[in-house]
Amino acid sequence: MARSLRARALHAFLDFFFRHLYTTLAWTYDAVAWLTSLGQWDAWRATALRWIPSRGRVLELGPGTGHLLLRLRQQGRRAFALEPSRQMAEITRRRLRRHALPCPVARGAAQSQPFPSRFFDAVVATFPSEYILEAATLSEIRRTLRPGGIVVIVAAAWPKGPALWDRAAAWLFRVTGQTIAPESAWTRPLSVSEIPLEMETVELPRGLVVVFHGRSPGMPQ
């Protein structure tokens, strides 16, 4: 009973914390991500680039503070973003404007995307919340992707390594539920989605990253 109460209290606290981290505390997001990942957040997020095609339109769902979107734009890719948080969207726009780049950031939800059908060649999301598992989200991804388009979801990551701080951070990720395993609740909804997705664990020097990726049915146009 005590353990169940602690688990519920922890879940309530994390829900409160993350809700504000993406809105009223959005200005702290980069610092929190850097601290909790021991400086690895950018490397974890960048694993998505392994599967994103070099040509065509790319949609990033939930770009957060815009680091990946900036990188894609700097590489000359036709990247767009859909962000539900007003605060996050504005941080992303400011980041791109500082680099004299277009700011193609739309406000909206992944479950109802304001884009034409078969418009994108790739859709990417890094560290999304549970919205990515909803049937409406997966259906909209399928709708807006061209046949043969790529889906990349960086689902989770956590530190690893022999150093004391790496072990402490890994423990913190486990107790707060920030790690996922193949048998977790993530796998089944994604594996039976309209787009067959494969789970892959990417091993980095000091971290493990769980990525789901797949290709929309049909031949590329």
Protein backbone atom coordinates (compact mmCIF):
# COMPACT_ATOMS: atom_id res chain seq x y z
CA MET A 1 0.00 0.00 0.00
CA ALA A 2 2.77 2.44 0.97
CA ARG A 3 4.65 1.66 -2.24
CA SER A 4 1.49 2.20 -4.28
CA LEU A 5 0.88 5.56 -2.61
CA ARG A 6 4.47 6.62 -3.27
CA ALA A 7 4.16 5.56 -6.90
CA ARG A 8 0.96 7.58 -7.35
CA ALA A 9 2.49 10.59 -5.63
CA LEU A 10 5.58 10.38 -7.83
CA HIS A 11 3.44 10.06 -10.96
CA ALA A 12 1.36 13.09 -9.95
CA PHE A 13 4.47 15.14 -9.27
CA LEU A 14 6.07 14.20 -12.60
CA ASP A 15 2.85 14.96 -14.45
CA PHE A 16 2.72 18.40 -12.81
CA PHE A 17 6.42 19.03 -13.44
CA PHE A 18 6.42 18.05 -17.12
CA ARG A 19 3.20 19.95 -17.81
CA HIS A 20 4.82 23.14 -16.57
CA LEU A 21 8.21 22.31 -18.10
CA TYR A 22 6.61 22.49 -21.55
CA THR A 23 4.64 25.67 -20.79
CA THR A 24 5.31 28.13 -17.98
CA LEU A 25 8.80 26.73 -17.32
CA ALA A 26 9.74 26.24 -20.97
CA TRP A 27 12.64 28.67 -20.54
CA THR A 28 14.30 26.11 -18.20
CA TYR A 29 13.86 23.14 -20.56
CA ASP A 30 17.35 23.10 -22.09
CA ALA A 31 19.06 23.39 -18.70
CA VAL A 32 16.91 20.62 -17.19
CA ALA A 33 17.54 18.33 -20.20
CA TRP A 34 21.28 18.97 -20.06
CA LEU A 35 21.50 18.34 -16.31
CA THR A 36 19.37 15.20 -16.20
CA SER A 37 21.19 13.65 -19.19
CA LEU A 38 24.64 14.69 -17.94
CA GLY A 39 25.14 16.73 -21.10
CA GLN A 40 24.06 13.97 -23.50
CA TRP A 41 20.66 15.31 -24.58
CA ASP A 42 21.83 16.67 -27.93
CA ALA A 43 23.59 13.41 -28.82
CA TRP A 44 20.51 11.39 -27.87
CA ARG A 45 18.22 13.61 -29.94
CA ALA A 46 20.60 13.57 -32.92
CA THR A 47 20.26 9.78 -33.31
CA ALA A 48 17.08 10.56 -35.29
CA LEU A 49 19.25 11.92 -38.11
CA ARG A 50 20.40 8.38 -38.94
CA TRP A 51 17.01 7.65 -40.53
CA ILE A 52 15.77 11.03 -41.78
CA PRO A 53 16.16 11.21 -45.57
CA SER A 54 18.40 13.91 -47.02
CA ARG A 55 15.73 15.09 -49.46
CA GLY A 56 12.07 16.00 -49.25
CA ARG A 57 9.91 17.61 -46.60
CA VAL A 58 10.38 16.68 -42.94
CA LEU A 59 7.85 17.27 -40.17
CA GLU A 60 9.02 17.39 -36.56
CA LEU A 61 6.26 16.80 -34.03
CA GLY A 62 6.88 18.63 -30.76
CA PRO A 63 10.19 20.35 -31.59
CA GLY A 64 10.50 21.67 -28.04
CA THR A 65 13.12 24.42 -28.03
CA GLY A 66 14.00 23.82 -31.67
CA HIS A 67 17.49 22.34 -31.67
CA LEU A 68 16.78 19.49 -34.10
CA LEU A 69 14.67 21.72 -36.35
CA LEU A 70 17.53 24.23 -36.47
CA ARG A 71 19.99 21.49 -37.36
CA LEU A 72 17.77 20.20 -40.15
CA ARG A 73 17.32 23.70 -41.56
CA GLN A 74 21.07 24.38 -41.37
CA GLN A 75 21.61 21.21 -43.40
CA GLY A 76 19.37 22.66 -46.10
CA ARG A 77 16.44 20.34 -45.46
CA ARG A 78 12.84 21.47 -45.93
CA ALA A 79 11.91 20.96 -42.29
CA PHE A 80 8.65 22.02 -40.62
CA ALA A 81 7.37 21.69 -37.07
CA LEU A 82 4.09 21.30 -35.19
CA GLU A 83 4.15 22.38 -31.53
CA PRO A 84 1.17 22.57 -29.13
CA SER A 85 2.94 24.75 -26.56
CA ARG A 86 2.87 28.49 -27.23
CA GLN A 87 6.00 29.00 -25.14
CA MET A 88 7.98 26.26 -26.86
CA ALA A 89 6.90 27.45 -30.31
CA GLU A 90 8.09 30.98 -29.57
CA ILE A 91 11.47 29.75 -28.27
CA THR A 92 11.90 27.70 -31.45
CA ARG A 93 10.99 30.65 -33.68
CA ARG A 94 13.48 32.90 -31.88
CA ARG A 95 16.20 30.29 -32.24
CA LEU A 96 15.70 30.06 -36.01
CA ARG A 97 15.44 33.83 -36.42
CA ARG A 98 18.80 34.27 -34.67
CA HIS A 99 20.29 32.15 -37.46
CA ALA A 100 18.40 34.06 -40.18
CA LEU A 101 16.40 30.94 -41.08
CA PRO A 102 12.70 30.56 -41.92
CA CYS A 103 10.46 29.74 -38.95
CA PRO A 104 8.01 27.10 -40.23
CA VAL A 105 6.53 26.32 -36.80
CA ALA A 106 2.77 25.76 -36.69
CA ARG A 107 0.75 25.63 -33.48
CA GLY A 108 -1.40 22.56 -33.12
CA ALA A 109 -1.79 18.99 -31.95
CA ALA A 110 -0.35 15.88 -33.55
CA GLN A 111 -3.80 14.26 -33.40
CA SER A 112 -5.18 16.86 -35.85
CA GLN A 113 -2.44 18.11 -38.14
CA PRO A 114 -3.04 21.19 -40.33
CA PHE A 115 -1.18 19.78 -43.31
CA PRO A 116 -2.26 18.25 -46.63
CA SER A 117 -2.32 14.50 -47.10
CA ARG A 118 0.82 12.87 -48.50
CA PHE A 119 2.78 16.07 -47.90
CA PHE A 120 5.86 14.88 -45.99
CA ASP A 121 8.67 12.48 -46.81
CA ALA A 122 9.51 11.97 -43.14
CA VAL A 123 7.97 12.56 -39.71
CA VAL A 124 10.16 12.67 -36.63
CA ALA A 125 9.48 13.02 -32.91
CA THR A 126 12.10 13.00 -30.17
CA PHE A 127 11.14 12.10 -26.60
CA PRO A 128 7.40 12.60 -27.13
CA SER A 129 4.87 12.03 -24.36
CA GLU A 130 2.05 9.48 -24.57
CA TYR A 131 0.26 11.43 -27.29
CA ILE A 132 2.47 9.65 -29.82
CA LEU A 133 0.77 6.34 -28.94
CA GLU A 134 -2.76 7.60 -29.58
CA ALA A 135 -4.57 6.15 -32.57
CA ALA A 136 -5.42 9.65 -33.83
CA THR A 137 -1.73 10.63 -33.85
CA LEU A 138 -0.63 7.51 -35.68
CA SER A 139 -3.47 7.92 -38.19
CA GLU A 140 -2.48 11.53 -38.88
CA ILE A 141 1.15 10.55 -39.37
CA ARG A 142 0.01 7.96 -41.88
CA ARG A 143 -2.20 10.52 -43.64
CA THR A 144 0.41 13.25 -44.01
CA LEU A 145 3.22 10.90 -45.08
CA ARG A 146 3.81 10.12 -48.72
CA PRO A 147 3.90 6.44 -49.68
CA GLY A 148 7.26 5.08 -48.64
CA GLY A 149 7.80 7.97 -46.21
CA ILE A 150 9.90 7.50 -43.09
CA VAL A 151 8.80 7.66 -39.44
CA VAL A 152 11.40 8.13 -36.70
CA ILE A 153 10.50 8.25 -33.01
CA VAL A 154 13.28 8.64 -30.47
CA ALA A 155 11.26 7.19 -27.64
CA ALA A 156 13.62 7.17 -24.66
CA ALA A 157 17.23 7.32 -23.57
CA TRP A 158 19.16 6.95 -20.37
CA PRO A 159 22.77 7.23 -19.19
CA LYS A 160 25.09 4.29 -18.82
CA GLY A 161 28.69 3.94 -17.80
CA PRO A 162 30.90 2.97 -14.87
CA ALA A 163 31.26 6.45 -13.38
CA LEU A 164 29.38 7.17 -10.16
CA TRP A 165 27.44 10.06 -11.72
CA ASP A 166 26.42 7.87 -14.68
CA ARG A 167 25.12 5.17 -12.34
CA ALA A 168 23.30 7.73 -10.21
CA ALA A 169 21.65 9.28 -13.28
CA ALA A 170 20.66 5.84 -14.60
CA TRP A 171 19.04 5.06 -11.24
CA LEU A 172 17.13 8.35 -11.33
CA PHE A 173 15.83 7.59 -14.82
CA ARG A 174 14.64 4.15 -13.68
CA VAL A 175 12.78 5.30 -10.55
CA THR A 176 11.05 8.10 -12.45
CA GLY A 177 9.93 5.75 -15.21
CA GLN A 178 11.99 7.41 -17.95
CA THR A 179 13.36 4.12 -19.29
CA ILE A 180 11.43 1.69 -21.49
CA ALA A 181 12.07 -1.90 -22.45
CA PRO A 182 10.88 -3.97 -25.45
CA GLU A 183 8.04 -5.46 -23.40
CA SER A 184 6.78 -2.05 -22.25
CA ALA A 185 3.49 -0.38 -23.11
CA TRP A 186 5.17 1.52 -25.94
CA THR A 187 5.92 -1.47 -28.11
CA ARG A 188 2.49 -2.90 -28.90
CA PRO A 189 0.68 0.31 -29.98
CA LEU A 190 3.54 1.25 -32.27
CA SER A 191 4.09 -2.22 -33.66
CA VAL A 192 0.43 -2.61 -34.71
CA SER A 193 0.10 0.93 -36.05
CA GLU A 194 -0.78 1.67 -39.66
CA ILE A 195 2.96 2.01 -40.28
CA PRO A 196 5.04 -1.03 -39.28
CA LEU A 197 7.72 0.22 -36.89
CA GLU A 198 10.87 -1.55 -35.79
CA MET A 199 12.44 -0.91 -32.41
CA GLU A 200 16.19 -0.41 -32.27
CA THR A 201 18.47 0.33 -29.34
CA VAL A 202 21.33 2.64 -30.26
CA GLU A 203 24.34 2.35 -27.98
CA LEU A 204 26.37 5.52 -27.50
CA PRO A 205 29.56 5.84 -25.45
CA ARG A 206 27.65 6.92 -22.33
CA GLY A 207 24.02 6.26 -23.12
CA LEU A 208 21.38 3.99 -24.62
CA VAL A 209 18.73 5.39 -26.98
CA VAL A 210 15.52 3.56 -27.96
CA VAL A 211 14.33 4.43 -31.46
CA PHE A 212 11.27 3.25 -33.38
CA HIS A 213 11.49 3.67 -37.14
CA GLY A 214 9.61 2.45 -40.17
CA ARG A 215 8.32 3.22 -43.63
CA SER A 216 4.80 4.15 -44.71
CA PRO A 217 3.18 1.47 -46.91
CA GLY A 218 3.38 1.96 -50.65
CA MET A 219 6.09 2.82 -53.11
CA PRO A 220 7.89 6.16 -52.77
CA GLN A 221 6.58 8.77 -55.19
